[in-house]
Amino acid sequence: MLKEELEAIAFLARVDIKEEEKAKYLSDINAMFDYVEILQEPDVTDLVPTTHVTELRNVWREDVVKPCPREVIDQMLAGAPEREGTFYKVQKVIGAAQ
């Protein structure tokens, strides 16, 4: 990776990188790219993908809705800056004016 590419990526990600840090980041990123190249060397075309090393499977159970005791709800909401009924009330962040 070139210094210009690092600067462009930092700009797009809105990350401020100091000039003295750029050489270290470039070194680290290029070391990661070198490692990825090493991982791509072995021929794995005939291998079957493995998702688990054992044949164990998760035992699923039905979800059962249970009522929460009122005192537990009150404890959970005690530290809320604002609440609406039994819910935390938070400021809108998605679609809010900038």
Protein backbone atom coordinates (compact mmCIF):
# COMPACT_ATOMS: atom_id res chain seq x y z
CA MET A 1 0.00 0.00 0.00
CA LEU A 2 1.22 3.45 -0.84
CA LYS A 3 1.17 6.50 1.40
CA GLU A 4 -1.37 8.17 -0.90
CA GLU A 5 -3.73 5.18 -0.59
CA LEU A 6 -3.45 5.28 3.20
CA GLU A 7 -4.25 8.99 3.20
CA ALA A 8 -7.26 8.45 0.89
CA ILE A 9 -8.62 5.65 3.08
CA ALA A 10 -8.07 7.72 6.23
CA PHE A 11 -9.91 10.62 4.60
CA LEU A 12 -12.87 8.44 3.59
CA ALA A 13 -13.01 6.89 7.07
CA ARG A 14 -12.70 10.35 8.62
CA VAL A 15 -9.67 9.23 10.65
CA ASP A 16 -7.00 11.78 11.41
CA ILE A 17 -3.55 10.18 11.10
CA LYS A 18 -0.56 12.23 12.14
CA GLU A 19 2.35 12.40 9.73
CA GLU A 20 4.68 10.59 12.15
CA GLU A 21 2.16 7.70 12.46
CA LYS A 22 1.79 7.07 8.72
CA ALA A 23 5.04 5.09 8.35
CA LYS A 24 4.02 2.75 11.21
CA TYR A 25 0.52 2.22 9.77
CA LEU A 26 1.93 1.55 6.30
CA SER A 27 4.35 -0.99 7.73
CA ASP A 28 1.59 -2.74 9.70
CA ILE A 29 -0.86 -2.80 6.78
CA ASN A 30 1.76 -4.10 4.35
CA ALA A 31 2.69 -6.83 6.85
CA MET A 32 -0.98 -7.85 6.95
CA PHE A 33 -1.14 -7.95 3.14
CA ASP A 34 2.00 -10.12 3.10
CA TYR A 35 0.35 -12.50 5.56
CA VAL A 36 -2.79 -12.70 3.42
CA GLU A 37 -0.63 -13.61 0.41
CA ILE A 38 0.93 -16.45 2.43
CA LEU A 39 -2.56 -17.70 3.33
CA GLN A 40 -3.55 -17.74 -0.33
CA GLU A 41 -0.63 -19.98 -1.40
CA PRO A 42 -1.92 -23.47 -0.44
CA ASP A 43 -4.18 -25.22 -2.95
CA VAL A 44 -7.50 -25.81 -1.20
CA THR A 45 -9.68 -26.57 -4.23
CA ASP A 46 -10.36 -30.21 -3.22
CA LEU A 47 -10.91 -29.55 0.48
CA VAL A 48 -14.35 -29.68 2.07
CA PRO A 49 -15.12 -26.57 4.12
CA THR A 50 -15.16 -27.20 7.86
CA THR A 51 -17.52 -25.25 10.05
CA HIS A 52 -16.95 -27.23 13.25
CA VAL A 53 -14.20 -29.58 14.37
CA THR A 54 -16.75 -31.88 15.98
CA GLU A 55 -20.16 -33.11 14.93
CA LEU A 56 -21.83 -31.58 17.98
CA ARG A 57 -25.02 -29.70 17.27
CA ASN A 58 -26.78 -27.07 19.30
CA VAL A 59 -29.93 -28.20 21.09
CA TRP A 60 -32.65 -25.69 20.40
CA ARG A 61 -35.54 -25.02 22.69
CA GLU A 62 -38.73 -23.12 22.18
CA ASP A 63 -38.63 -19.47 23.20
CA VAL A 64 -41.07 -18.90 25.99
CA VAL A 65 -42.09 -15.39 26.93
CA LYS A 66 -42.21 -15.00 30.71
CA PRO A 67 -43.42 -11.90 32.48
CA CYS A 68 -40.76 -9.87 34.24
CA PRO A 69 -41.47 -8.97 37.88
CA ARG A 70 -42.35 -5.30 38.37
CA GLU A 71 -39.53 -4.77 40.90
CA VAL A 72 -36.97 -5.97 38.36
CA ILE A 73 -38.35 -3.58 35.74
CA ASP A 74 -38.20 -0.72 38.24
CA GLN A 75 -34.57 -1.57 39.10
CA MET A 76 -33.60 -1.64 35.43
CA LEU A 77 -35.29 1.69 34.72
CA ALA A 78 -34.09 3.42 37.91
CA GLY A 79 -31.00 4.84 36.21
CA ALA A 80 -32.71 5.88 33.00
CA PRO A 81 -32.45 9.60 32.26
CA GLU A 82 -35.90 9.41 30.63
CA ARG A 83 -38.47 6.67 30.37
CA GLU A 84 -41.77 6.11 28.70
CA GLY A 85 -43.82 3.51 30.48
CA THR A 86 -41.55 0.50 30.94
CA PHE A 87 -39.11 1.57 28.20
CA TYR A 88 -35.97 3.69 28.07
CA LYS A 89 -36.63 6.86 26.12
CA VAL A 90 -33.64 7.84 23.98
CA GLN A 91 -32.92 10.61 21.54
CA LYS A 92 -33.57 9.80 17.89
CA VAL A 93 -30.28 9.16 16.07
CA ILE A 94 -31.32 7.60 12.75
CA GLY A 95 -32.67 10.14 10.35
CA ALA A 96 -32.09 12.97 12.82
CA ALA A 97 -31.12 16.36 11.39
CA GLN A 98 -27.38 16.95 11.47
